[in-house]
Protein backbone atom coordinates (compact mmCIF):
# COMPACT_ATOMS: atom_id res chain seq x y z
CA MET A 1 13.69 -152.05 42.23
CA SER A 2 15.82 -149.09 43.31
CA GLU A 3 19.22 -148.46 44.80
CA ILE A 4 18.84 -146.56 48.09
CA ARG A 5 21.50 -143.98 48.95
CA PHE A 6 22.21 -142.69 52.43
CA ILE A 7 23.28 -139.34 53.84
CA ASP A 8 24.94 -139.93 57.21
CA THR A 9 24.05 -137.47 59.99
CA THR A 10 25.87 -139.10 62.92
CA LEU A 11 28.56 -136.46 63.44
CA ARG A 12 26.23 -133.52 62.86
CA ASP A 13 22.56 -134.07 63.66
CA GLY A 14 23.10 -137.09 65.88
CA ASN A 15 25.68 -135.13 67.82
CA GLN A 16 23.42 -132.08 67.97
CA SER A 17 20.09 -133.78 68.64
CA LEU A 18 21.16 -136.39 71.18
CA TRP A 19 24.43 -135.11 72.64
CA ALA A 20 23.90 -131.31 72.50
CA LEU A 21 27.16 -131.05 70.49
CA ASN A 22 29.15 -132.64 73.30
CA MET A 23 31.10 -134.95 70.99
CA ARG A 24 34.75 -133.94 71.26
CA THR A 25 37.01 -133.50 68.25
CA GLY A 26 39.26 -136.40 69.25
CA VAL A 27 36.27 -138.74 69.46
CA MET A 28 35.28 -137.88 65.89
CA LEU A 29 38.81 -138.06 64.49
CA ALA A 30 39.35 -141.49 66.02
CA ILE A 31 36.56 -143.10 63.98
CA ALA A 32 36.41 -140.91 60.86
CA GLY A 33 38.51 -143.23 58.71
CA GLN A 34 36.28 -146.20 59.51
CA MET A 35 33.13 -144.22 58.69
CA ASP A 36 34.63 -143.38 55.31
CA GLN A 37 34.52 -147.09 54.40
CA ALA A 38 30.73 -147.41 54.67
CA GLY A 39 29.77 -146.17 51.21
CA PHE A 40 27.63 -143.21 52.24
CA ASP A 41 26.48 -140.99 49.39
CA SER A 42 27.62 -138.07 51.54
CA MET A 43 27.98 -137.11 55.18
CA GLU A 44 26.86 -134.08 57.18
CA PHE A 45 30.04 -132.93 58.84
CA PHE A 46 29.63 -129.50 60.45
CA VAL A 47 27.04 -126.99 61.62
CA THR A 48 27.73 -123.34 62.43
CA ALA A 49 26.45 -123.77 66.01
CA MET A 50 29.66 -125.71 66.67
CA PHE A 51 31.73 -122.52 66.57
CA LYS A 52 30.34 -121.09 69.80
CA LYS A 53 29.80 -124.43 71.55
CA TYR A 54 33.26 -125.86 70.93
CA VAL A 55 35.12 -122.63 71.68
CA ARG A 56 33.25 -121.66 74.86
CA GLU A 57 32.50 -125.02 76.46
CA HIS A 58 35.01 -127.50 75.05
CA LYS A 59 37.90 -125.03 74.62
CA GLU A 60 38.48 -126.64 71.22
CA ASN A 61 39.05 -124.95 67.87
CA PRO A 62 36.32 -126.10 65.45
CA TRP A 63 38.58 -125.33 62.51
CA ASP A 64 40.84 -128.15 63.71
CA TRP A 65 37.99 -130.60 63.13
CA LEU A 66 37.37 -129.16 59.67
CA ARG A 67 41.04 -129.17 58.79
CA LEU A 68 41.96 -132.58 60.19
CA GLY A 69 38.64 -134.35 59.85
CA SER A 70 38.17 -133.53 56.18
CA LYS A 71 41.48 -135.25 55.41
CA ARG A 72 40.21 -138.53 56.90
CA PHE A 73 37.46 -138.88 54.31
CA LYS A 74 38.75 -140.03 50.93
CA LYS A 75 35.59 -141.67 49.55
CA THR A 76 32.71 -139.70 51.08
CA ARG A 77 31.52 -136.27 49.99
CA LEU A 78 31.26 -134.05 53.04
CA ARG A 79 28.43 -131.60 53.59
CA TRP A 80 28.27 -128.33 55.45
CA HIS A 81 25.06 -127.47 57.28
CA GLY A 82 24.06 -123.81 57.19
CA GLY A 83 24.09 -120.83 54.88
CA LEU A 84 24.86 -117.14 54.69
CA HIS A 85 22.24 -116.08 57.26
CA GLY A 86 20.21 -117.47 60.12
CA SER A 87 22.35 -117.65 63.21
CA PHE A 88 20.91 -117.42 66.70
CA GLU A 89 22.31 -113.89 66.78
CA LYS A 90 22.54 -111.01 64.32
CA ILE A 91 26.02 -111.78 63.06
CA PRO A 92 26.98 -109.83 59.91
CA ASP A 93 26.51 -111.64 56.62
CA SER A 94 30.12 -110.86 55.74
CA VAL A 95 31.23 -113.13 58.61
CA TYR A 96 29.27 -115.95 56.99
CA GLN A 97 30.90 -115.12 53.68
CA ILE A 98 34.36 -115.49 55.21
CA MET A 99 33.24 -118.72 56.90
CA ILE A 100 31.94 -120.26 53.67
CA GLU A 101 35.08 -119.22 51.77
CA ARG A 102 37.20 -121.04 54.35
CA ALA A 103 34.91 -124.08 54.26
CA VAL A 104 35.18 -124.26 50.47
CA SER A 105 38.97 -124.11 50.81
CA TYR A 106 38.76 -127.36 52.81
CA GLY A 107 36.74 -129.05 50.09
CA PHE A 108 33.18 -128.43 51.28
CA THR A 109 31.15 -127.68 48.15
CA LEU A 110 27.66 -128.74 49.27
CA THR A 111 25.49 -127.48 52.10
CA ARG A 112 21.95 -128.06 53.34
CA THR A 113 20.17 -125.08 54.78
CA SER A 114 16.75 -123.55 55.38
CA ASN A 115 14.65 -120.47 55.25
CA SER A 116 12.74 -120.56 58.52
CA TRP A 117 9.44 -119.63 56.86
CA ASN A 118 9.81 -121.77 53.69
CA ASP A 119 10.13 -118.44 51.88
CA PHE A 120 11.90 -119.67 48.76
CA THR A 121 11.63 -116.35 46.97
CA ALA A 122 13.74 -114.76 49.70
CA PHE A 123 15.89 -117.90 49.90
CA ASN A 124 16.98 -117.60 46.27
CA GLU A 125 19.33 -114.71 46.99
CA GLU A 126 21.14 -116.79 49.61
CA ILE A 127 21.43 -119.80 47.32
CA GLN A 128 22.90 -117.67 44.55
CA GLY A 129 25.32 -116.09 47.03
CA LEU A 130 26.49 -119.52 48.16
CA LYS A 131 26.94 -120.64 44.57
CA LYS A 132 29.17 -117.65 43.83
CA LEU A 133 31.37 -118.72 46.74
CA GLY A 134 31.65 -122.26 45.36
CA MET A 135 28.99 -124.05 47.40
CA GLU A 136 25.85 -125.73 46.04
CA THR A 137 22.71 -125.90 48.19
CA ILE A 138 20.24 -128.57 49.22
CA ALA A 139 17.20 -126.44 50.09
CA ASN A 140 15.20 -127.68 53.06
CA PHE A 141 11.44 -127.87 52.56
CA ILE A 142 10.22 -127.99 56.14
CA TYR A 143 7.21 -129.94 57.36
CA SER A 144 5.04 -128.47 60.08
CA VAL A 145 1.58 -129.01 61.52
CA SER A 146 -0.77 -126.07 61.98
CA PRO A 147 -4.02 -124.76 60.50
CA ARG A 148 -2.12 -122.95 57.75
CA HIS A 149 0.10 -125.87 56.66
CA THR A 150 -2.32 -127.46 54.17
CA ASP A 151 -1.82 -129.47 50.98
CA GLU A 152 -2.32 -126.25 49.04
CA TYR A 153 0.42 -124.60 51.08
CA TYR A 154 2.86 -127.45 50.36
CA ALA A 155 2.01 -127.57 46.65
CA GLN A 156 2.64 -123.85 46.27
CA LYS A 157 5.85 -123.95 48.30
CA ALA A 158 7.10 -126.97 46.32
CA ARG A 159 6.65 -125.02 43.08
CA GLU A 160 8.47 -122.05 44.57
CA ALA A 161 11.32 -124.28 45.77
CA ALA A 162 11.73 -125.87 42.34
CA ALA A 163 11.64 -122.49 40.63
CA ILE A 164 14.89 -121.36 42.26
CA ARG A 165 16.69 -124.48 40.94
CA PRO A 166 18.68 -125.62 43.97
CA TYR A 167 21.10 -128.55 43.77
CA GLY A 168 18.37 -130.55 45.48
CA ILE A 169 15.40 -130.30 47.84
CA CYS A 170 15.22 -132.03 51.21
CA PHE A 171 11.77 -132.72 52.62
CA LYS A 172 12.61 -132.17 56.27
CA ASP A 173 10.49 -133.34 59.20
CA VAL A 174 12.47 -131.58 61.90
CA GLY A 175 9.98 -132.21 64.70
CA GLY A 176 9.31 -135.89 63.97
CA LEU A 177 5.70 -134.96 63.28
CA LEU A 178 5.05 -136.73 60.00
CA THR A 179 2.84 -139.81 60.20
CA PRO A 180 2.81 -142.65 57.65
CA GLU A 181 -0.72 -141.65 56.66
CA ARG A 182 0.30 -138.03 56.07
CA ALA A 183 3.43 -139.14 54.21
CA ARG A 184 1.27 -141.10 51.78
CA THR A 185 -0.78 -138.00 50.91
CA LEU A 186 1.93 -135.34 51.07
CA ILE A 187 4.97 -136.91 49.37
CA PRO A 188 3.09 -137.24 46.04
CA VAL A 189 2.04 -133.58 46.31
CA ILE A 190 5.66 -132.52 46.67
CA GLN A 191 6.89 -134.85 43.92
CA LYS A 192 4.24 -133.59 41.51
CA ASN A 193 5.23 -129.96 42.03
CA ILE A 194 9.05 -130.04 42.11
CA GLY A 195 9.55 -131.50 38.65
CA ASP A 196 13.02 -132.94 38.06
CA VAL A 197 14.75 -131.44 41.10
CA PRO A 198 16.29 -134.28 43.20
CA LEU A 199 14.40 -134.96 46.44
CA GLU A 200 15.83 -136.25 49.74
CA PHE A 201 14.06 -137.16 52.97
CA HIS A 202 15.18 -136.23 56.49
CA ALA A 203 13.14 -136.92 59.62
CA HIS A 204 13.59 -137.04 63.38
CA CYS A 205 12.29 -139.89 65.51
CA ASN A 206 10.61 -137.83 68.25
CA SER A 207 7.22 -139.49 67.83
CA GLY A 208 8.63 -142.92 66.98
CA GLN A 209 7.09 -142.88 63.50
CA ALA A 210 10.05 -141.78 61.38
CA PRO A 211 11.19 -145.33 60.44
CA LEU A 212 7.68 -146.03 59.11
CA CYS A 213 7.69 -142.75 57.19
CA TYR A 214 11.00 -143.76 55.62
CA LEU A 215 9.31 -146.92 54.33
CA GLU A 216 6.55 -144.81 52.80
CA ALA A 217 9.16 -142.53 51.23
CA ILE A 218 10.86 -145.57 49.67
CA ARG A 219 7.53 -146.89 48.40
CA PHE A 220 6.91 -143.54 46.68
CA GLY A 221 10.27 -143.62 44.96
CA LEU A 222 12.53 -141.53 47.19
CA THR A 223 16.02 -143.00 46.98
CA THR A 224 18.13 -140.63 49.12
CA LEU A 225 17.53 -140.90 52.86
CA HIS A 226 19.16 -139.35 55.93
CA THR A 227 20.12 -141.80 58.71
CA ALA A 228 22.49 -142.04 61.68
CA VAL A 229 24.61 -144.74 63.27
CA PRO A 230 23.56 -145.95 66.76
CA PRO A 231 23.85 -144.89 69.53
CA LEU A 232 23.42 -141.51 67.78
CA ALA A 233 20.29 -142.70 65.96
CA ASN A 234 16.68 -142.84 67.20
CA GLY A 235 15.56 -140.76 70.16
CA SER A 236 15.38 -137.21 68.81
CA SER A 237 17.82 -138.03 65.99
CA GLN A 238 17.32 -139.77 62.63
CA PRO A 239 16.43 -143.45 62.22
CA SER A 240 19.17 -146.05 62.45
CA ILE A 241 21.03 -146.83 59.24
CA PHE A 242 20.83 -150.52 60.18
CA ASN A 243 17.05 -150.46 60.52
CA VAL A 244 16.36 -148.47 57.35
CA ALA A 245 18.81 -150.49 55.25
CA ARG A 246 17.33 -153.77 56.50
CA ASN A 247 13.78 -152.62 55.75
CA ALA A 248 14.74 -151.29 52.32
CA ARG A 249 16.23 -154.68 51.52
CA ALA A 250 13.05 -156.40 52.75
CA LEU A 251 11.06 -154.28 50.28
CA GLY A 252 13.26 -155.56 47.47
CA HIS A 253 15.57 -152.56 47.12
CA THR A 254 19.36 -152.42 47.28
CA PRO A 255 20.76 -150.25 50.10
CA LEU A 256 24.12 -148.81 49.04
CA VAL A 257 25.88 -149.09 52.39
CA ASP A 258 28.34 -151.51 54.00
CA GLU A 259 26.69 -152.30 57.32
CA LYS A 260 29.63 -154.46 58.43
CA ALA A 261 31.92 -151.45 58.14
CA LEU A 262 29.63 -149.55 60.52
CA GLU A 263 29.65 -152.11 63.33
CA PRO A 264 32.98 -150.78 64.75
CA VAL A 265 31.52 -147.26 64.49
CA GLU A 266 28.55 -148.27 66.63
CA ARG A 267 30.86 -149.89 69.19
CA HIS A 268 33.10 -146.81 69.31
CA PHE A 269 30.29 -144.36 70.03
CA THR A 270 28.63 -146.70 72.52
CA VAL A 271 31.85 -146.83 74.55
CA VAL A 272 32.10 -143.02 74.40
CA ALA A 273 28.48 -142.62 75.50
CA LYS A 274 28.98 -144.85 78.53
CA GLN A 275 32.29 -143.24 79.50
CA GLU A 276 31.00 -139.67 79.16
CA GLY A 277 27.48 -140.24 80.47
CA LEU A 278 25.92 -139.26 77.14
CA PRO A 279 22.52 -140.54 75.97
CA ILE A 280 22.15 -143.71 73.94
CA GLY A 281 19.42 -143.17 71.39
CA LYS A 282 16.45 -145.51 71.71
CA PRO A 283 13.23 -145.76 69.69
CA PRO A 284 10.84 -143.51 71.63
CA GLU A 285 7.33 -144.33 72.67
CA TYR A 286 4.60 -142.36 70.93
CA ASP A 287 3.93 -139.08 72.72
CA HIS A 288 1.08 -136.98 71.38
CA ALA A 289 2.49 -133.92 73.15
CA ASN A 290 5.07 -133.72 70.35
CA TYR A 291 2.25 -132.52 68.11
CA LEU A 292 1.51 -129.71 70.55
CA HIS A 293 4.96 -128.26 71.31
CA GLN A 294 6.67 -129.42 68.06
CA VAL A 295 10.11 -128.89 69.61
CA PRO A 296 12.70 -130.36 67.20
CA GLY A 297 15.29 -132.97 68.07
CA GLY A 298 18.26 -130.65 68.42
CA MET A 299 16.38 -128.37 70.80
CA ILE A 300 15.24 -131.04 73.25
CA SER A 301 18.76 -132.03 74.28
CA ASN A 302 19.70 -128.36 74.56
CA LEU A 303 16.69 -127.65 76.79
CA VAL A 304 17.73 -130.50 79.06
CA HIS A 305 21.23 -129.02 79.14
CA GLN A 306 19.94 -125.51 80.00
CA LEU A 307 17.64 -126.79 82.73
CA ARG A 308 20.35 -128.97 84.23
CA LEU A 309 22.67 -125.96 84.50
CA VAL A 310 20.17 -124.22 86.81
CA GLY A 311 19.25 -127.36 88.76
CA MET A 312 15.83 -127.76 87.11
CA ALA A 313 16.31 -130.86 84.95
CA ASP A 314 12.98 -132.18 86.27
CA LYS A 315 11.16 -129.29 84.55
CA LEU A 316 11.57 -130.55 80.98
CA GLN A 317 7.92 -131.58 80.60
CA ALA A 318 6.72 -128.25 81.98
CA THR A 319 9.04 -126.46 79.57
CA LEU A 320 7.75 -128.44 76.58
CA GLU A 321 4.16 -127.64 77.57
CA GLU A 322 5.11 -123.99 77.88
CA ALA A 323 6.75 -124.15 74.44
CA ALA A 324 3.38 -125.20 72.99
CA ARG A 325 1.73 -122.14 74.55
CA VAL A 326 4.49 -119.83 73.37
CA ARG A 327 4.34 -121.20 69.83
CA ALA A 328 0.58 -120.66 69.64
CA GLU A 329 0.94 -117.10 70.93
CA TRP A 330 3.63 -116.44 68.35
CA GLY A 331 1.40 -117.45 65.43
CA TYR A 332 2.62 -121.03 64.89
CA PRO A 333 6.09 -120.47 63.43
CA ILE A 334 7.74 -123.50 61.86
CA MET A 335 9.81 -125.04 64.63
CA VAL A 336 13.18 -124.91 62.90
CA THR A 337 16.44 -123.06 63.52
CA PRO A 338 16.52 -120.31 64.66
CA LEU A 339 12.80 -119.89 65.46
CA SER A 340 12.54 -123.12 67.46
CA GLN A 341 15.43 -121.99 69.66
CA TYR A 342 13.72 -118.68 70.33
CA VAL A 343 10.44 -120.37 71.23
CA GLY A 344 12.20 -122.98 73.39
CA SER A 345 14.48 -120.50 75.15
CA GLN A 346 11.60 -118.18 76.00
CA ALA A 347 9.57 -121.14 77.26
CA ALA A 348 12.48 -122.23 79.47
CA ILE A 349 12.84 -118.71 80.86
CA ASN A 350 9.12 -118.53 81.60
CA VAL A 351 9.38 -121.79 83.58
CA ILE A 352 12.62 -120.92 85.36
CA VAL A 353 11.50 -117.40 86.35
CA GLY A 354 8.01 -118.55 87.30
CA GLU A 355 6.18 -115.73 85.54
CA ARG A 356 5.40 -115.68 81.84
CA TYR A 357 7.27 -113.02 79.86
CA ARG A 358 8.51 -111.20 82.97
CA GLU A 359 11.84 -111.58 81.24
CA ALA A 360 12.18 -111.71 77.46
CA THR A 361 15.22 -112.60 75.42
CA ASP A 362 16.50 -110.18 72.80
CA GLN A 363 15.47 -112.73 70.19
CA THR A 364 11.90 -112.74 71.52
CA ILE A 365 11.82 -108.96 71.17
CA GLN A 366 13.34 -109.15 67.69
CA TYR A 367 10.74 -111.74 66.67
CA ALA A 368 7.90 -109.52 67.87
CA LEU A 369 9.37 -106.65 65.87
CA GLY A 370 9.49 -108.78 62.72
CA LEU A 371 13.28 -108.84 62.52
CA TRP A 372 13.28 -112.63 62.01
CA GLY A 373 10.63 -112.56 59.29
CA LYS A 374 7.69 -110.25 58.88
CA GLU A 375 5.23 -113.08 59.55
CA GLY A 376 6.48 -113.26 63.13
CA GLY A 377 5.38 -109.77 64.04
CA GLU A 378 2.17 -110.01 62.02
CA LEU A 379 0.95 -113.32 63.48
CA MET A 380 1.83 -112.85 67.16
CA ASP A 381 -0.98 -112.58 69.73
CA PRO A 382 -1.53 -108.81 70.22
CA ASP A 383 -1.60 -108.98 74.03
CA VAL A 384 1.63 -110.97 74.18
CA LYS A 385 3.22 -108.67 71.63
CA ASP A 386 2.28 -105.61 73.69
CA LYS A 387 3.75 -107.17 76.84
CA ILE A 388 7.00 -108.00 75.07
CA LEU A 389 7.36 -104.62 73.39
CA SER A 390 6.44 -102.53 76.44
CA ARG A 391 9.92 -102.79 77.99
CA PRO A 392 12.78 -100.33 77.42
CA ARG A 393 14.90 -102.95 75.70
CA ALA A 394 12.24 -103.31 73.01
CA ARG A 395 12.42 -99.59 72.26
CA GLU A 396 16.16 -99.96 71.76
CA TRP A 397 15.66 -102.79 69.28
CA ALA A 398 12.90 -100.88 67.48
CA ARG A 399 15.46 -98.17 66.65
CA TRP A 400 18.12 -100.69 65.64
CA VAL A 401 19.32 -100.78 62.05
CA PRO A 402 21.05 -104.04 61.08
CA PRO A 403 24.69 -103.33 60.31
CA ASN A 404 26.00 -104.53 57.00
CA PRO A 405 29.77 -104.18 57.28
CA SER A 406 31.99 -105.23 54.41
CA VAL A 407 34.38 -108.17 54.66
CA GLN A 408 37.23 -105.71 55.12
CA GLU A 409 35.39 -103.93 57.95
CA VAL A 410 34.64 -107.25 59.66
CA ARG A 411 38.29 -108.23 59.45
CA ARG A 412 39.25 -104.96 61.12
CA ARG A 413 36.55 -105.26 63.79
CA TYR A 414 37.23 -108.83 64.84
CA GLY A 415 40.80 -109.18 63.72
CA GLY A 416 43.51 -106.79 62.75
CA ALA A 417 47.14 -107.48 62.12
CA GLY A 418 48.12 -111.09 62.64
CA VAL A 419 44.57 -112.45 63.05
CA SER A 420 43.54 -115.08 60.50
CA ASP A 421 40.14 -115.24 58.81
CA GLU A 422 39.43 -118.41 60.77
CA GLU A 423 39.98 -116.58 64.05
CA VAL A 424 37.84 -113.69 62.81
CA VAL A 425 34.95 -116.16 62.44
CA LEU A 426 35.58 -117.62 65.90
CA ARG A 427 35.61 -114.17 67.49
CA ALA A 428 32.39 -113.18 65.74
CA PHE A 429 30.54 -116.28 66.96
CA ALA A 430 32.10 -116.89 70.38
CA GLY A 431 33.60 -113.56 71.44
CA GLU A 432 37.22 -112.46 71.70
CA GLU A 433 37.65 -113.41 75.36
CA SER A 434 36.31 -116.92 74.79
CA VAL A 435 38.66 -117.38 71.84
CA LYS A 436 41.61 -116.24 73.93
CA ALA A 437 40.60 -118.66 76.70
CA MET A 438 40.36 -121.47 74.16
CA PHE A 439 43.85 -120.83 72.81
CA ALA A 440 45.19 -120.61 76.37
CA ALA A 441 43.59 -123.91 77.44
């Protein structure tokens, strides 16, 4: 039987999916040393979305977490999450280059990232760019459900993923859509076509079926699984490390994790959740609507947050139903960052405003123009596309040429004398005024 290794996602995906990145730096630092004792194969530690969130809302410097937090982990390899492209905004690639260089300086040499369309041919350039900066890549291979996501599609994409020779491939069920039955047919297809490239499995619990899919993955020989520590497991996050380890042991395998060492971690985050009014992840009931809107775990908590800010927290279900309509009209994009955020944000605006597409985000316009992948513009419903592109703002974006400033130009634009590269990155993501307010707080 096999040894089962675990990638911990508590501080990254658990935080993002269940708590909308509302876990403060001090909360993470207080328990980091204990988490290091658990024997995780590695741990997801940071995502680029934290730059804007922590600066603007928490008035905290995310680099402090990277600087201080990385020192608390002596035994566990830490992972970045993100690459050289793919923000929610058109931030210059050179900003990402500076960001990755700084991350590598703190010891981060492995990241997991995606191409939103599973376009591994285009993805290869990014992977090679990351490698030149000192960071290896786990390439996400994203699961989705639509008429075009067939076995033949996955077989071809698996071959393309293996051909670019990433550090590893992660079969990623971001929407919690995979069923045990589909896992039994699809995992062998992927394994057959990736050759000797290491394969990991990462799934969200939105439909309640992820723990069962993990069992199928183990049965088919996958030995590296992504889990989280309660209360940041389940819900729209990953399955609980306790549940998966226990089930792996019941199947005769050896889970390489010290569950006793994680009991204080669970207690710590449970206390924080109760004190701060943050959700405690629970195994969800099956909801077939997940297969219609396909909104991923990280987006659901953010939608709740957006709706609550405008006093419409009771409109979550209406927003999810609207997201299903928007996704269909947009040609069934894979619901992964950043495309899922664009679909979800436009759906929320349609619900809040009360009229569909009366207002359109810049990202919606960019999507219709093909700026976030040519498939977006090609697959969108023509009537919806015409409505989106009929406004003056769309004509402005149609004339827009993406800037490609050098690292030196970016440093001058966002920095200047006396401004560090770390602050340059903060200003690019969060804005100069927000950074000043953070430092003044």
